[in-house]
Protein backbone atom coordinates (compact mmCIF):
# COMPACT_ATOMS: atom_id res chain seq x y z
CA MET A 1 -15.51 15.10 0.52
CA GLY A 2 -11.96 15.74 1.52
CA LEU A 3 -8.81 14.43 3.09
CA LEU A 4 -7.61 14.70 6.67
CA THR A 5 -4.09 15.85 7.52
CA LYS A 6 -2.43 13.55 10.06
CA GLY A 7 0.86 15.38 10.48
CA SER A 8 4.01 16.91 9.07
CA VAL A 9 7.81 16.69 9.58
CA VAL A 10 7.69 13.07 8.43
CA SER A 11 10.40 10.43 8.40
CA PHE A 12 10.54 6.65 8.15
CA ILE A 13 12.77 4.16 9.90
CA LEU A 14 13.53 1.50 7.34
CA GLU A 15 13.20 -2.22 7.85
CA ASP A 16 16.87 -2.64 8.81
CA LYS A 17 16.26 -0.11 11.68
CA HIS A 18 19.60 1.59 10.94
CA HIS A 19 18.48 4.04 8.25
CA GLU A 20 16.04 6.92 8.43
CA LEU A 21 14.38 8.34 5.34
CA LEU A 22 13.66 12.06 5.84
CA VAL A 23 10.77 13.51 3.86
CA PRO A 24 11.14 17.13 2.69
CA PRO A 25 9.64 19.63 5.17
CA ASN A 26 7.08 20.96 2.68
CA HIS A 27 5.19 17.63 2.80
CA ILE A 28 2.26 16.52 4.99
CA ILE A 29 0.53 13.21 5.68
CA VAL A 30 -3.00 13.02 4.31
CA HIS A 31 -5.51 10.22 4.10
CA ASP A 32 -9.19 9.60 3.46
CA PRO A 33 -10.71 8.21 6.67
CA LEU A 34 -14.11 7.92 4.97
CA ASP A 35 -12.78 5.78 2.07
CA GLU A 36 -14.54 8.05 -0.45
CA LEU A 37 -11.74 9.46 -2.62
CA LEU A 38 -8.85 7.16 -1.72
CA ARG A 39 -8.35 3.85 0.03
CA SER A 40 -8.61 4.62 3.77
CA CYS A 41 -5.50 2.57 4.66
CA ASP A 42 -3.24 4.37 2.19
CA PHE A 43 -1.41 7.33 3.69
CA TYR A 44 0.02 9.90 1.31
CA ILE A 45 2.93 12.14 2.13
CA VAL A 46 2.68 14.96 -0.40
CA ARG A 47 3.62 18.59 -1.01
CA PHE A 48 0.98 21.10 -0.02
CA GLU A 49 -0.01 24.69 -0.72
CA PHE A 50 -1.88 26.89 1.72
CA ASP A 51 -5.39 27.69 0.46
CA HIS A 52 -7.14 29.68 3.19
CA THR A 53 -8.00 29.71 6.86
CA GLY A 54 -11.03 27.85 8.08
CA VAL A 55 -12.43 24.50 7.04
CA SER A 56 -14.96 23.81 4.29
CA GLN A 57 -18.57 23.76 5.39
CA SER A 58 -19.45 21.23 2.68
CA ASP A 59 -18.67 17.96 4.48
CA ALA A 60 -20.06 17.65 8.00
CA GLU A 61 -18.58 14.19 8.60
CA MET A 62 -15.06 15.31 7.65
CA ARG A 63 -15.44 18.40 9.87
CA ARG A 64 -16.44 16.10 12.76
CA LEU A 65 -13.38 13.88 12.19
CA ALA A 66 -11.07 16.91 11.93
CA GLU A 67 -12.45 18.32 15.17
CA LYS A 68 -11.99 14.96 16.93
CA TYR A 69 -8.40 14.67 15.66
CA PHE A 70 -7.30 18.27 16.31
CA GLY A 71 -9.52 19.12 19.31
CA ASN A 72 -11.31 22.02 17.65
CA LEU A 73 -11.59 23.74 14.29
CA ASP A 74 -10.40 27.19 15.40
CA ASP A 75 -6.85 27.11 14.05
CA LEU A 76 -7.36 24.85 11.06
CA CYS A 77 -6.90 25.81 7.45
CA GLU A 78 -7.39 24.18 4.08
CA VAL A 79 -4.46 23.20 1.92
CA GLY A 80 -4.23 22.03 -1.67
CA VAL A 81 -2.54 18.74 -2.52
CA GLU A 82 -2.03 16.70 -5.67
CA ILE A 83 -2.11 12.92 -5.44
CA PRO A 84 -1.19 10.85 -8.49
CA GLU A 85 -3.50 7.96 -9.38
CA GLU A 86 -0.82 5.82 -11.02
CA GLY A 87 2.92 5.64 -11.56
CA TRP A 88 3.88 4.58 -8.04
CA GLU A 89 7.10 2.59 -7.67
CA PHE A 90 7.94 0.41 -4.67
CA LEU A 91 10.70 2.12 -2.68
CA THR A 92 11.29 0.16 0.53
CA ASP A 93 9.65 -1.37 3.58
CA VAL A 94 9.38 0.68 6.75
CA ARG A 95 9.21 -0.33 10.43
CA TYR A 96 8.38 3.08 11.97
CA ILE A 97 6.81 6.33 10.94
CA ARG A 98 7.76 9.55 12.74
CA TYR A 99 5.74 12.73 12.39
CA ARG A 100 4.70 15.97 14.03
CA ARG A 101 1.05 16.20 15.03
CA GLU A 102 -0.74 19.50 15.63
CA GLY A 103 -3.85 20.27 17.66
CA PHE A 104 -4.67 19.46 21.28
CA LEU A 105 -2.32 16.44 21.23
CA ALA A 106 0.48 18.33 19.49
CA ASP A 107 3.80 16.55 19.80
CA ASP A 108 6.32 14.48 17.91
CA TYR A 109 5.09 10.92 17.46
CA GLN A 110 6.58 7.62 16.42
CA HIS A 111 4.56 4.54 15.47
CA LYS A 112 6.19 1.13 15.25
CA TYR A 113 4.44 -1.15 12.78
CA ALA A 114 3.68 -4.72 13.82
CA PHE A 115 5.24 -5.80 10.53
CA PRO A 116 7.03 -3.88 7.76
CA GLN A 117 4.81 -1.65 5.62
CA PRO A 118 5.48 -1.06 1.92
CA LEU A 119 6.41 2.49 0.97
CA TYR A 120 5.94 3.66 -2.62
CA TYR A 121 7.33 6.75 -4.31
CA HIS A 122 6.17 8.85 -7.26
CA GLN A 123 9.10 10.76 -8.69
CA GLY A 124 7.06 13.17 -10.83
CA PHE A 125 5.06 14.40 -7.84
CA ASP A 126 7.78 13.88 -5.21
CA ALA A 127 5.13 11.98 -3.24
CA TYR A 128 5.13 8.92 -0.99
CA ARG A 129 2.37 6.38 -0.35
CA LEU A 130 2.40 4.14 2.70
CA ALA A 131 0.12 1.20 1.97
CA SER A 132 -1.27 -0.49 5.08
CA PRO A 133 -3.54 -3.56 5.05
CA ASP A 134 -7.33 -3.13 4.99
CA SER A 135 -7.40 -3.92 8.70
CA CYS A 136 -5.45 -0.76 9.57
CA VAL A 137 -6.66 1.58 12.30
CA ALA A 138 -5.87 5.28 12.11
CA ASN A 139 -8.17 7.43 14.19
CA HIS A 140 -8.20 10.46 16.50
CA ARG A 141 -5.37 8.83 18.47
CA GLY A 142 -3.18 8.68 15.35
CA PHE A 143 -1.69 5.52 13.85
CA VAL A 144 -2.97 2.61 15.95
CA HIS A 145 -2.64 -0.65 13.95
CA PRO A 146 -0.75 -2.47 12.44
């Protein structure tokens, strides 16, 4: 079991569309596409620490998803993250997420949400949680719906 990194260099355009919230550069977007450890439509933007090159052999399904998202497993590495279970405070609603994606589709991306998404913050962990509805779609193409 594990989490998949969706990107880095993250920012949010707030609901009023005039303000951008910049996330510190030592943060990445992670989520659980298999809905095993965390809710699959919650996206966490958290600090990370480099662990080692390569990807764990323990979870074939997660390796398959990582390969589909990044194009191959050659340049991937594992990182350590801490995600708090409780203590989240509502911060604001966001209309867009901006992020840098790596892999065969490497580029800077922006996703406009169909409706504002709630963003939560955990001060003790300096972490953000973007909570999308259960009908969300985030796949090898990136953020798709809402």
